[in-house]
Each structure stands twice: as C-alpha cells, then as structure tokens.
Amino acid sequence: MRHAVRITAELTLVVAGLIAGLFLVELGCRLAGYTTPVITDGHGMAPRFYYKADPINGHDIAENFSDGFFQLPDYIRSHGAPFAVSSNSLGCRDRPIEQGSDYVLLLGDSLTWGYVPLEQTWGATLQQHIGVRVLNCGVGGYGPRHERRKMEVVVGRAGRPRLVIVGYTVGNDLTDDYLYPGRTVIDGYMVNKVTLTDPGNGDRTVSSDEQLQAQLKSFLEPMPAGLLAGWKSLLAEHSVLYDRLRNWRALRHLASRLGMADPPPPPSGLESFSSVTASPWLDQAWEEHLHNILQLKSSVEGMGANLLVVIIPLSAQVYESLRPQGSDLDWEYPNKRLTECFRQEHIAYLDMMSEFQRYAHRTGPAIANRHEDLYWRDDGHLNVEGNRLAGLLISRYVLEQKFLALRDEDKRLSDVRQLLRALIDVAPVQASSTANLHR
C-alpha cells in the first residue's frame, strides 16, 4: 500500500514538474515575442469566392471582389489582424484602371500578388518610385502559360502597357507549367485538380470534378468529437508552444504519430533544383517551360511593349539554414538555366538572388520573429521587408535600364539608390542582357 502511494506521489510530482516546465516554456515563447496562434477555417487563407473557375487557366481572381480578408497566420501574429483583399473589373488585385491609361503590367504568381497588404507589395513600391501606374495582376498558382492568357485578357480590356514585368518564382513556376492548368475552383474554393504524384518519373494525376467535390466535402467537415480532438482544439487555439511545435517539422512528425498534430506537408516545389540526369522527365519539362516563356516574350513584343523578367529567389536559396537536410539539390541550377536562356534570347532580366543573399549575410542567419528577415517565418512568401527590398531593387533596375524614359529619371534613380544604401550595403547591379526595346 505504501509502495503504491509512493509511486503515485512520484508520478504526481513528475506530471506537475512537466506541466510547470511546459508552462515556463510557454511563458518564454510569449516573452520572446511569439503571439497567440492563429486559427483559420478549413478552406485556406483566401476568402471564399475570391477565386473563380476559368475555362482555360483553370482558376483566376474573380472580378470586382470586395469585403474579404486574407487569413495569413504570420501576418496576423505580427499585426493582430488579417489584411483586406479585393479585385477590380479585370480580375486583378488592384484598384480600378481606365482604358488607355499609361501603366506597367505585373504578371506572376502569389509572390507578385503579395502576401501583404496591397500598398506594401513590391509592385506598390515600384509604382511609388517610378511614378507610373503599376497594375498588379499576379495570381496565386500561376506560371508562364497562365500569365500569357492573363495578359491577353487584361490588355484586351485596359489597353497596351508600356512595360510588362513578370515576377518569376524559383521553385514552382516550372511545376505550375508542367501541371497546367493545375487548379480549379469548386463552390468558391480553389482546389488542386492536377497533382504531381511521383517526382521521380513525373507522373501526374488528374482528379474529376466529382472526386474534388467529395474531397472538399470531407475536408470541410468538422473534426469528430472526442477527448483528444477537444484537447487538440484547445491547444491549437490558446498555446503558443503547441503552435510552434506543430510548425517544427521534426517534432511535428513525432506529434502526428501520437495524434497530437497533423502530419507536416511534404516538401514541394523542389523539382526545379533536382538533377535532370536522375529524372529525365525534368529536362523535357524545362524545355517546354522555357518555350512557354519565349511565347510570352513573343506576345509582349507583338503588342509593342517591353518585357522584364524578375527572378524571385526561394527562401532556402537565401538562407542555408532553411534547406532540407540530406538533400542532393543544386540551389543555383534554376537561375543558371533561366539566365542562360534569357541571354541567348535577349530577354531583359533581373536575378535578385545575390542581392537577397547579401542582405541575409548582413543581418545574419534566419531567426524566427526577426523583422529583418525577408520571408514570413512559417509561410515562406516575402514579408513586408522582403517586398520592400524587392521593390527597391526592381525600381533601380527599371530606372537604370531606362525602360520608361522618364523626365525625372536621374532624380528618381538617385533617391532609390540612397534608400538601398540605407537599407543594405548593396553593390550596383550589373546590367543584364536586355531585349530589343520598343520606343
């Protein structure tokens, strides 16, 4: 009897010590600047019906959308609330624009669309410093094939732009082309219709609308009741420590086995860095992908405009600490293959990887919750600071290359250079190969 009491007392002390330790860690997380976790609903961060189905591209931004909020957990942790999103009559995340306006057209995916408020995107920074209307028509999940179709629709309604800037995302533009059209919209929710089921040999799976509807219904159903589900819901809503653990891949794997967290998503978008020798389908995918970019170039030149491709690096290219351990990937391969093509085809481009790396080396390695970091801590898209740096670098390049022949170009360029010097000690960008400019 005494032995049982002693064991019970010891177990009680152990449990109490464990709870006290977890409480102290929780308190330490909050004192270190981590905030209460953010809970989003089951259909993603974009508001329902923000996207619509498109018969060619699969999905697009709905026209004239208003009164919606983008539920990005990283942004909510930093600013306490989600940011508003809307669209104009062109299906672009921007203010209205009149037919025949003098403007610069931005195409791209979510890194161009911007995981920040519209006025803090790199497109808004560009507009501020060049003094020309910049129309942000980036759409999440788009690649060059999507962007060509989007450009045709926008230009048909808004008129010819003076300059077309394509925000190229290293890491997923290749696969977005390979899986084209890739996504669709069902009942106001954007879903993956084509998936890469085997990166080793390039196998793709196309789901029917009926299958997608069944998957969506299952995904949106509430979590079944139960003690464990209740604890998970309580921890997810109130514990910063639990939020950190379920976003730490190694511990999340362990927690998922115990039923305390969902399994971490598999690394995606890394096919661009894989060896084309080990995966022959990738070489063909690259050839078709570059051909799509050349078709986009031809369309831009056909309407008498200039084209500039801005290569936006993946966070793992900038911060070595974010690269998957034990992977045999070439983190410079996509940039080398792209720039080789751009030089041969006389496409103007700006590769921002070296400038982003220089900034990262200046501020040190990526540390959670540091405002100097260029990417959101968990999400991986450019944060406010990353968008600002990108906008300044692009503004400098556009002004240096005299794409727009502005009257006060020298003054604007001097101001941008001064801001960059204050932000980071960046050496002047070497002039990249430029396309034949249409004056």
Protein backbone atom coordinates (compact mmCIF):
# COMPACT_ATOMS: atom_id res chain seq x y z
CA MET A 1 0.00 0.00 0.00
CA ARG A 2 2.76 2.39 0.98
CA HIS A 3 4.65 1.45 -2.17
CA ALA A 4 1.63 2.28 -4.34
CA VAL A 5 1.16 5.60 -2.54
CA ARG A 6 4.85 6.45 -3.04
CA ILE A 7 4.67 5.63 -6.75
CA THR A 8 1.51 7.72 -7.11
CA ALA A 9 3.18 10.63 -5.31
CA GLU A 10 6.27 10.37 -7.52
CA LEU A 11 4.17 10.26 -10.67
CA THR A 12 2.21 13.26 -9.45
CA LEU A 13 5.45 15.18 -8.91
CA VAL A 14 6.71 14.19 -12.36
CA VAL A 15 3.46 15.29 -14.03
CA ALA A 16 3.42 18.50 -12.01
CA GLY A 17 7.05 19.17 -12.96
CA LEU A 18 6.28 18.51 -16.59
CA ILE A 19 3.28 20.84 -16.54
CA ALA A 20 5.33 23.52 -14.78
CA GLY A 21 8.12 23.11 -17.33
CA LEU A 22 5.71 23.41 -20.24
CA PHE A 23 4.16 26.47 -18.62
CA LEU A 24 7.59 28.09 -18.30
CA VAL A 25 8.40 27.30 -21.94
CA GLU A 26 5.02 28.70 -22.96
CA LEU A 27 5.76 31.85 -20.98
CA GLY A 28 9.22 32.06 -22.51
CA CYS A 29 7.76 31.83 -26.02
CA ARG A 30 5.41 34.70 -25.30
CA LEU A 31 8.18 36.82 -23.72
CA ALA A 32 10.35 36.13 -26.79
CA GLY A 33 7.73 37.76 -28.97
CA TYR A 34 5.63 34.85 -30.17
CA THR A 35 1.95 35.66 -30.13
CA THR A 36 -1.23 33.67 -29.71
CA PRO A 37 -1.61 31.19 -32.57
CA VAL A 38 -3.99 31.96 -35.38
CA ILE A 39 -6.78 29.59 -36.36
CA THR A 40 -8.04 29.69 -39.93
CA ASP A 41 -11.02 27.86 -41.37
CA GLY A 42 -10.71 24.74 -43.46
CA HIS A 43 -10.70 26.18 -46.97
CA GLY A 44 -7.46 28.16 -46.96
CA MET A 45 -6.34 31.72 -46.36
CA ALA A 46 -8.10 33.49 -49.24
CA PRO A 47 -11.76 34.42 -48.69
CA ARG A 48 -14.33 32.17 -50.28
CA PHE A 49 -15.29 33.17 -53.84
CA TYR A 50 -12.17 35.31 -54.20
CA TYR A 51 -11.18 32.92 -56.98
CA LYS A 52 -13.34 31.72 -59.85
CA ALA A 53 -13.03 28.83 -62.28
CA ASP A 54 -11.52 29.72 -65.66
CA PRO A 55 -12.17 27.56 -68.75
CA ILE A 56 -8.55 27.88 -69.95
CA ASN A 57 -6.32 28.66 -66.96
CA GLY A 58 -8.33 26.59 -64.51
CA HIS A 59 -8.66 29.43 -62.00
CA ASP A 60 -8.43 33.20 -61.82
CA ILE A 61 -9.28 36.03 -59.45
CA ALA A 62 -12.97 36.92 -59.56
CA GLU A 63 -13.83 40.37 -60.88
CA ASN A 64 -14.97 43.16 -58.55
CA PHE A 65 -14.47 41.20 -55.33
CA SER A 66 -14.70 43.25 -52.13
CA ASP A 67 -15.00 42.96 -48.36
CA GLY A 68 -12.70 39.98 -47.93
CA PHE A 69 -9.74 39.27 -45.66
CA PHE A 70 -6.67 37.14 -46.24
CA GLN A 71 -6.06 34.95 -43.20
CA LEU A 72 -2.25 34.67 -43.25
CA PRO A 73 -1.18 33.39 -39.81
CA ASP A 74 2.27 35.02 -39.97
CA TYR A 75 0.77 38.42 -40.77
CA ILE A 76 -1.89 38.09 -38.08
CA ARG A 77 0.76 37.20 -35.49
CA SER A 78 2.72 40.31 -36.42
CA HIS A 79 -0.13 42.78 -36.87
CA GLY A 80 -3.00 41.36 -34.85
CA ALA A 81 -5.50 41.07 -37.72
CA PRO A 82 -5.74 39.81 -41.31
CA PHE A 83 -5.38 42.19 -44.23
CA ALA A 84 -8.12 43.11 -46.68
CA VAL A 85 -8.16 41.82 -50.26
CA SER A 86 -10.25 42.89 -53.22
CA SER A 87 -10.13 42.93 -57.01
CA ASN A 88 -11.01 45.24 -59.87
CA SER A 89 -13.05 44.66 -63.02
CA LEU A 90 -10.03 42.99 -64.69
CA GLY A 91 -9.77 40.28 -62.05
CA CYS A 92 -6.55 41.81 -60.71
CA ARG A 93 -5.70 42.51 -57.09
CA ASP A 94 -5.58 46.26 -57.60
CA ARG A 95 -7.56 49.46 -57.87
CA PRO A 96 -9.67 50.20 -60.97
CA ILE A 97 -7.84 51.39 -64.08
CA GLU A 98 -9.27 53.26 -67.06
CA GLN A 99 -8.98 52.03 -70.63
CA GLY A 100 -5.94 53.51 -72.35
CA SER A 101 -4.14 54.50 -69.14
CA ASP A 102 -0.36 54.75 -69.11
CA TYR A 103 0.68 51.78 -66.98
CA VAL A 104 3.14 48.98 -66.18
CA LEU A 105 1.65 45.48 -66.07
CA LEU A 106 2.78 42.99 -63.42
CA LEU A 107 2.28 39.27 -64.05
CA GLY A 108 3.26 36.42 -61.76
CA ASP A 109 2.04 34.16 -59.01
CA SER A 110 1.47 34.61 -55.27
CA LEU A 111 4.87 36.30 -54.79
CA THR A 112 3.72 39.01 -57.18
CA TRP A 113 0.17 39.07 -55.82
CA GLY A 114 1.81 39.66 -52.45
CA TYR A 115 1.21 38.08 -49.06
CA VAL A 116 1.00 41.57 -47.56
CA PRO A 117 -1.48 44.46 -47.89
CA LEU A 118 -1.64 45.83 -51.44
CA GLU A 119 0.13 49.07 -50.52
CA GLN A 120 3.09 47.06 -49.15
CA THR A 121 3.64 44.77 -52.15
CA TRP A 122 6.77 45.15 -54.25
CA GLY A 123 4.55 46.36 -57.07
CA ALA A 124 3.32 49.25 -54.93
CA THR A 125 6.91 50.14 -54.00
CA LEU A 126 7.81 50.11 -57.70
CA GLN A 127 4.91 52.43 -58.53
CA GLN A 128 5.95 54.84 -55.79
CA HIS A 129 9.49 55.18 -57.10
CA ILE A 130 8.98 55.22 -60.87
CA GLY A 131 5.90 57.46 -60.79
CA VAL A 132 3.97 55.35 -63.32
CA ARG A 133 0.79 53.41 -62.59
CA VAL A 134 1.62 49.78 -61.84
CA LEU A 135 -1.20 47.27 -62.31
CA ASN A 136 -0.71 44.15 -60.17
CA CYS A 137 -2.25 41.17 -61.99
CA GLY A 138 -0.37 38.41 -60.19
CA VAL A 139 -2.48 35.34 -59.41
CA GLY A 140 -1.53 32.64 -56.91
CA GLY A 141 -0.66 29.34 -58.61
CA TYR A 142 0.18 30.87 -62.00
CA GLY A 143 3.13 30.06 -64.25
CA PRO A 144 4.16 31.47 -67.66
CA ARG A 145 1.37 29.60 -69.50
CA HIS A 146 -1.24 31.11 -67.20
CA GLU A 147 0.37 34.53 -67.38
CA ARG A 148 0.24 34.73 -71.16
CA ARG A 149 -3.51 34.09 -71.10
CA LYS A 150 -3.99 36.58 -68.24
CA MET A 151 -2.04 39.25 -70.13
CA GLU A 152 -4.20 38.83 -73.22
CA VAL A 153 -7.38 39.32 -71.20
CA VAL A 154 -6.08 42.35 -69.28
CA VAL A 155 -4.58 44.09 -72.31
CA GLY A 156 -7.76 43.48 -74.28
CA ARG A 157 -9.67 45.49 -71.68
CA ALA A 158 -7.13 48.01 -70.37
CA GLY A 159 -5.02 48.66 -73.48
CA ARG A 160 -1.32 48.20 -74.16
CA PRO A 161 1.07 48.68 -71.19
CA ARG A 162 4.40 50.46 -71.53
CA LEU A 163 6.25 47.64 -69.78
CA VAL A 164 5.39 44.08 -68.75
CA ILE A 165 7.19 42.76 -65.66
CA VAL A 166 6.93 39.04 -64.90
CA GLY A 167 7.68 38.02 -61.33
CA TYR A 168 9.26 34.59 -61.78
CA THR A 169 9.15 32.39 -58.68
CA VAL A 170 12.05 29.96 -58.46
CA GLY A 171 10.73 26.70 -57.09
CA ASN A 172 7.24 26.39 -58.53
CA ASP A 173 6.88 28.17 -61.90
CA LEU A 174 8.35 25.09 -63.59
CA THR A 175 5.85 22.73 -61.98
CA ASP A 176 2.95 25.17 -62.49
CA ASP A 177 3.64 24.92 -66.22
CA TYR A 178 4.09 21.14 -66.04
CA LEU A 179 0.76 20.65 -64.24
CA TYR A 180 -1.09 23.29 -66.28
CA PRO A 181 -3.86 24.19 -65.70
CA GLY A 182 -3.36 22.52 -62.32
CA ARG A 183 -6.16 24.04 -60.26
CA THR A 184 -9.83 24.81 -60.43
CA VAL A 185 -12.49 26.38 -58.22
CA ILE A 186 -15.42 24.45 -56.76
CA ASP A 187 -18.11 26.13 -54.70
CA GLY A 188 -15.86 29.15 -54.13
CA TYR A 189 -12.83 27.12 -53.02
CA MET A 190 -9.65 26.77 -55.07
CA VAL A 191 -8.51 23.13 -55.23
CA ASN A 192 -5.73 21.15 -56.92
CA LYS A 193 -7.04 19.30 -59.96
CA VAL A 194 -3.71 18.03 -61.32
CA THR A 195 -1.06 16.79 -58.90
CA LEU A 196 2.49 15.54 -59.28
CA THR A 197 2.18 12.08 -57.76
CA ASP A 198 5.74 10.88 -58.42
CA PRO A 199 8.53 13.49 -58.72
CA GLY A 200 10.89 10.69 -59.69
CA ASN A 201 9.29 10.00 -63.07
CA GLY A 202 6.93 12.95 -63.44
CA ASP A 203 3.65 11.04 -63.03
CA ARG A 204 0.60 13.31 -62.90
CA THR A 205 -2.88 12.57 -61.58
CA VAL A 206 -5.96 14.41 -62.80
CA SER A 207 -8.97 14.38 -60.48
CA SER A 208 -12.52 14.64 -61.77
CA ASP A 209 -14.85 17.35 -60.50
CA GLU A 210 -16.84 14.67 -58.69
CA GLN A 211 -13.71 13.47 -56.88
CA LEU A 212 -12.76 17.03 -55.98
CA GLN A 213 -16.23 17.74 -54.63
CA ALA A 214 -16.07 14.63 -52.45
CA GLN A 215 -12.58 15.56 -51.21
CA LEU A 216 -13.68 19.11 -50.48
CA LYS A 217 -16.74 17.93 -48.58
CA SER A 218 -14.60 15.59 -46.47
CA PHE A 219 -12.05 18.33 -45.84
CA LEU A 220 -14.64 20.86 -44.72
CA GLU A 221 -16.46 18.51 -42.35
CA PRO A 222 -15.92 19.41 -38.69
CA MET A 223 -13.48 17.40 -36.60
CA PRO A 224 -15.19 14.44 -34.90
CA ALA A 225 -15.99 14.92 -31.26
CA GLY A 226 -13.84 13.29 -28.63
CA LEU A 227 -11.50 13.98 -25.75
CA LEU A 228 -8.33 14.01 -27.89
CA ALA A 229 -9.95 16.21 -30.52
CA GLY A 230 -11.07 18.58 -27.79
CA TRP A 231 -7.55 18.84 -26.36
CA LYS A 232 -6.08 19.45 -29.83
CA SER A 233 -8.62 22.19 -30.48
CA LEU A 234 -7.93 23.81 -27.09
CA LEU A 235 -4.16 23.73 -27.53
CA ALA A 236 -4.35 24.95 -31.12
CA GLU A 237 -6.41 27.94 -30.06
CA HIS A 238 -4.51 29.01 -26.93
CA SER A 239 -0.99 27.55 -26.79
CA VAL A 240 1.90 29.31 -28.50
CA LEU A 241 4.17 26.36 -27.64
CA TYR A 242 1.81 23.91 -29.36
CA ASP A 243 1.68 26.23 -32.36
CA ARG A 244 5.50 26.29 -32.55
CA LEU A 245 5.80 22.51 -32.18
CA ARG A 246 3.31 21.71 -34.90
CA ASN A 247 5.21 24.02 -37.26
CA TRP A 248 8.58 22.40 -36.43
CA ARG A 249 8.84 19.59 -38.97
CA ALA A 250 10.87 17.12 -36.88
CA LEU A 251 8.68 17.40 -33.80
CA ARG A 252 5.55 17.59 -35.88
CA HIS A 253 6.35 14.18 -37.33
CA LEU A 254 6.56 12.78 -33.79
CA ALA A 255 3.47 14.63 -32.62
CA SER A 256 1.47 13.38 -35.60
CA ARG A 257 2.27 9.77 -34.64
CA LEU A 258 0.84 10.46 -31.21
CA GLY A 259 -2.26 12.05 -32.72
CA MET A 260 -1.43 15.50 -31.31
CA ALA A 261 -0.86 17.24 -34.64
CA ASP A 262 -1.49 16.79 -38.34
CA PRO A 263 1.47 15.42 -40.33
CA PRO A 264 3.68 18.13 -41.88
CA PRO A 265 3.15 18.68 -45.59
CA PRO A 266 5.81 17.10 -47.78
CA PRO A 267 8.43 19.46 -49.23
CA SER A 268 7.12 20.81 -52.53
CA GLY A 269 8.40 22.94 -55.33
CA LEU A 270 11.90 21.49 -55.14
CA GLU A 271 11.80 19.73 -58.52
CA SER A 272 13.45 22.80 -60.09
CA PHE A 273 16.60 22.08 -58.06
CA SER A 274 16.75 18.36 -58.86
CA SER A 275 19.13 16.71 -61.30
CA VAL A 276 17.73 16.36 -64.82
CA THR A 277 20.05 13.36 -65.23
CA ALA A 278 18.43 11.49 -62.34
CA SER A 279 14.93 12.50 -63.51
CA PRO A 280 14.89 12.70 -67.33
CA TRP A 281 11.31 13.99 -67.42
CA LEU A 282 12.60 17.19 -65.81
CA ASP A 283 14.79 18.05 -68.78
CA GLN A 284 11.79 17.86 -71.12
CA ALA A 285 9.74 19.84 -68.61
CA TRP A 286 12.43 22.53 -68.59
CA GLU A 287 12.48 22.71 -72.40
CA GLU A 288 8.71 23.14 -72.56
CA HIS A 289 8.83 25.64 -69.71
CA LEU A 290 11.42 27.83 -71.44
CA HIS A 291 9.40 27.59 -74.64
CA ASN A 292 6.40 28.94 -72.76
CA ILE A 293 8.49 31.89 -71.58
CA LEU A 294 9.57 32.58 -75.17
CA GLN A 295 5.93 32.51 -76.26
CA LEU A 296 5.15 35.05 -73.55
CA LYS A 297 8.01 37.21 -74.81
CA SER A 298 6.66 36.97 -78.37
CA SER A 299 3.20 38.06 -77.22
CA VAL A 300 4.61 41.05 -75.32
CA GLU A 301 6.72 42.17 -78.25
CA GLY A 302 3.81 41.59 -80.61
CA MET A 303 1.83 44.31 -78.89
CA GLY A 304 4.79 46.70 -78.92
CA ALA A 305 5.76 46.58 -75.23
CA ASN A 306 8.96 45.79 -73.33
CA LEU A 307 9.39 42.64 -71.22
CA LEU A 308 11.36 42.31 -67.99
CA VAL A 309 11.58 39.04 -66.05
CA VAL A 310 12.37 39.39 -62.34
CA ILE A 311 13.70 36.19 -60.75
CA ILE A 312 12.48 35.99 -57.14
CA PRO A 313 14.54 33.52 -55.08
CA LEU A 314 13.15 30.84 -52.81
CA SER A 315 13.82 31.40 -49.11
CA ALA A 316 16.05 28.29 -49.00
CA GLN A 317 18.24 29.85 -51.69
CA VAL A 318 18.79 32.86 -49.46
CA TYR A 319 19.09 31.17 -46.06
CA GLU A 320 21.11 27.96 -46.00
CA SER A 321 19.61 27.06 -42.62
CA LEU A 322 16.23 26.57 -44.31
CA ARG A 323 17.44 23.94 -46.77
CA PRO A 324 16.27 20.34 -46.22
CA GLN A 325 18.95 18.26 -44.57
CA GLY A 326 20.48 15.44 -46.57
CA SER A 327 19.05 16.58 -49.89
CA ASP A 328 21.07 16.39 -53.09
CA LEU A 329 19.80 19.59 -54.70
CA ASP A 330 21.51 22.27 -56.76
CA TRP A 331 20.23 25.56 -55.34
CA GLU A 332 21.62 27.63 -58.22
CA TYR A 333 20.56 25.41 -61.12
CA PRO A 334 17.21 27.12 -61.97
CA ASN A 335 18.82 30.56 -62.03
CA LYS A 336 21.66 29.36 -64.26
CA ARG A 337 19.33 27.67 -66.73
CA LEU A 338 17.00 30.65 -66.85
CA THR A 339 19.68 33.30 -67.28
CA GLU A 340 21.42 31.27 -69.99
CA CYS A 341 18.16 31.21 -71.93
CA PHE A 342 17.49 34.90 -71.30
CA ARG A 343 20.92 35.90 -72.59
CA GLN A 344 20.55 33.80 -75.71
CA GLU A 345 17.06 35.09 -76.44
CA HIS A 346 17.80 38.72 -75.49
CA ILE A 347 15.25 38.85 -72.69
CA ALA A 348 15.79 41.55 -70.09
CA TYR A 349 16.02 40.04 -66.63
CA LEU A 350 16.92 40.82 -63.05
CA ASP A 351 18.04 37.95 -60.81
CA MET A 352 17.65 39.16 -57.21
CA MET A 353 19.22 36.11 -55.54
CA SER A 354 22.67 37.65 -54.97
CA GLU A 355 21.21 40.86 -53.51
CA PHE A 356 18.90 38.89 -51.22
CA GLN A 357 21.82 36.72 -50.10
CA ARG A 358 23.92 39.80 -49.42
CA TYR A 359 21.13 41.21 -47.28
CA ALA A 360 20.84 37.90 -45.41
CA HIS A 361 24.58 37.80 -44.73
CA ARG A 362 24.42 41.35 -43.45
CA THR A 363 21.66 40.59 -40.96
CA GLY A 364 22.84 37.10 -40.04
CA PRO A 365 21.03 33.75 -40.35
CA ALA A 366 17.27 33.46 -40.39
CA ILE A 367 15.99 33.70 -36.83
CA ALA A 368 12.31 33.40 -36.04
CA ASN A 369 10.41 36.62 -35.45
CA ARG A 370 13.20 38.97 -36.58
CA HIS A 371 11.86 41.90 -38.54
CA GLU A 372 14.99 41.94 -40.74
CA ASP A 373 14.10 38.60 -42.33
CA LEU A 374 12.83 38.79 -45.90
CA TYR A 375 10.31 35.96 -45.73
CA TRP A 376 7.45 35.10 -43.42
CA ARG A 377 8.61 32.82 -40.64
CA ASP A 378 6.37 29.83 -41.41
CA ASP A 379 4.72 30.60 -44.73
CA GLY A 380 7.78 31.24 -46.92
CA HIS A 381 6.43 34.12 -49.02
CA LEU A 382 8.07 37.54 -48.99
CA ASN A 383 7.09 39.53 -45.92
CA VAL A 384 6.81 43.31 -45.70
CA GLU A 385 10.58 43.80 -45.60
CA GLY A 386 11.15 41.33 -48.43
CA ASN A 387 8.60 43.10 -50.61
CA ARG A 388 10.23 46.44 -49.86
CA LEU A 389 13.71 45.22 -50.80
CA ALA A 390 12.39 43.60 -53.99
CA GLY A 391 10.51 46.77 -54.94
CA LEU A 392 13.60 48.94 -54.49
CA LEU A 393 15.84 46.57 -56.45
CA ILE A 394 13.34 46.38 -59.31
CA SER A 395 12.83 50.16 -59.27
CA ARG A 396 16.57 50.69 -59.51
CA TYR A 397 16.91 48.30 -62.43
CA VAL A 398 13.95 49.77 -64.35
CA LEU A 399 15.35 53.27 -63.91
CA GLU A 400 18.92 52.26 -64.75
CA GLN A 401 17.85 50.50 -67.94
CA LYS A 402 15.61 53.45 -68.92
CA PHE A 403 12.65 51.28 -69.83
CA LEU A 404 10.22 54.17 -69.42
CA ALA A 405 12.25 57.26 -70.48
CA LEU A 406 11.01 59.40 -67.59
CA ARG A 407 11.78 63.11 -67.40
CA ASP A 408 12.99 62.97 -63.80
CA GLU A 409 14.65 59.57 -64.13
CA ASP A 410 18.02 60.61 -62.72
CA LYS A 411 16.46 62.14 -59.60
CA ARG A 412 14.29 59.07 -59.02
CA LEU A 413 17.26 56.75 -59.50
CA SER A 414 19.35 58.75 -57.04
CA ASP A 415 16.58 58.52 -54.43
CA VAL A 416 16.22 54.75 -54.87
CA ARG A 417 19.96 54.21 -54.59
CA GLN A 418 20.04 56.24 -51.40
CA LEU A 419 17.22 54.17 -49.90
CA LEU A 420 19.03 50.97 -50.81
CA ARG A 421 22.25 52.19 -49.23
CA ALA A 422 20.32 52.94 -46.05
CA LEU A 423 18.65 49.52 -46.13
CA ILE A 424 21.66 47.42 -47.05
CA ASP A 425 25.11 47.86 -48.49
CA VAL A 426 24.31 46.58 -51.97
CA ALA A 427 26.74 46.81 -54.86
CA PRO A 428 25.28 48.17 -58.12
CA VAL A 429 23.54 45.52 -60.21
CA GLN A 430 25.49 44.54 -63.31
CA ALA A 431 23.45 45.22 -66.43
CA SER A 432 21.77 42.01 -67.57
CA SER A 433 21.04 41.20 -71.19
CA THR A 434 18.20 43.37 -72.40
CA ALA A 435 15.65 42.73 -75.07
CA ASN A 436 15.17 44.98 -78.07
CA LEU A 437 13.46 47.99 -76.51
CA HIS A 438 10.42 49.42 -78.26
CA ARG A 439 10.44 53.21 -78.07
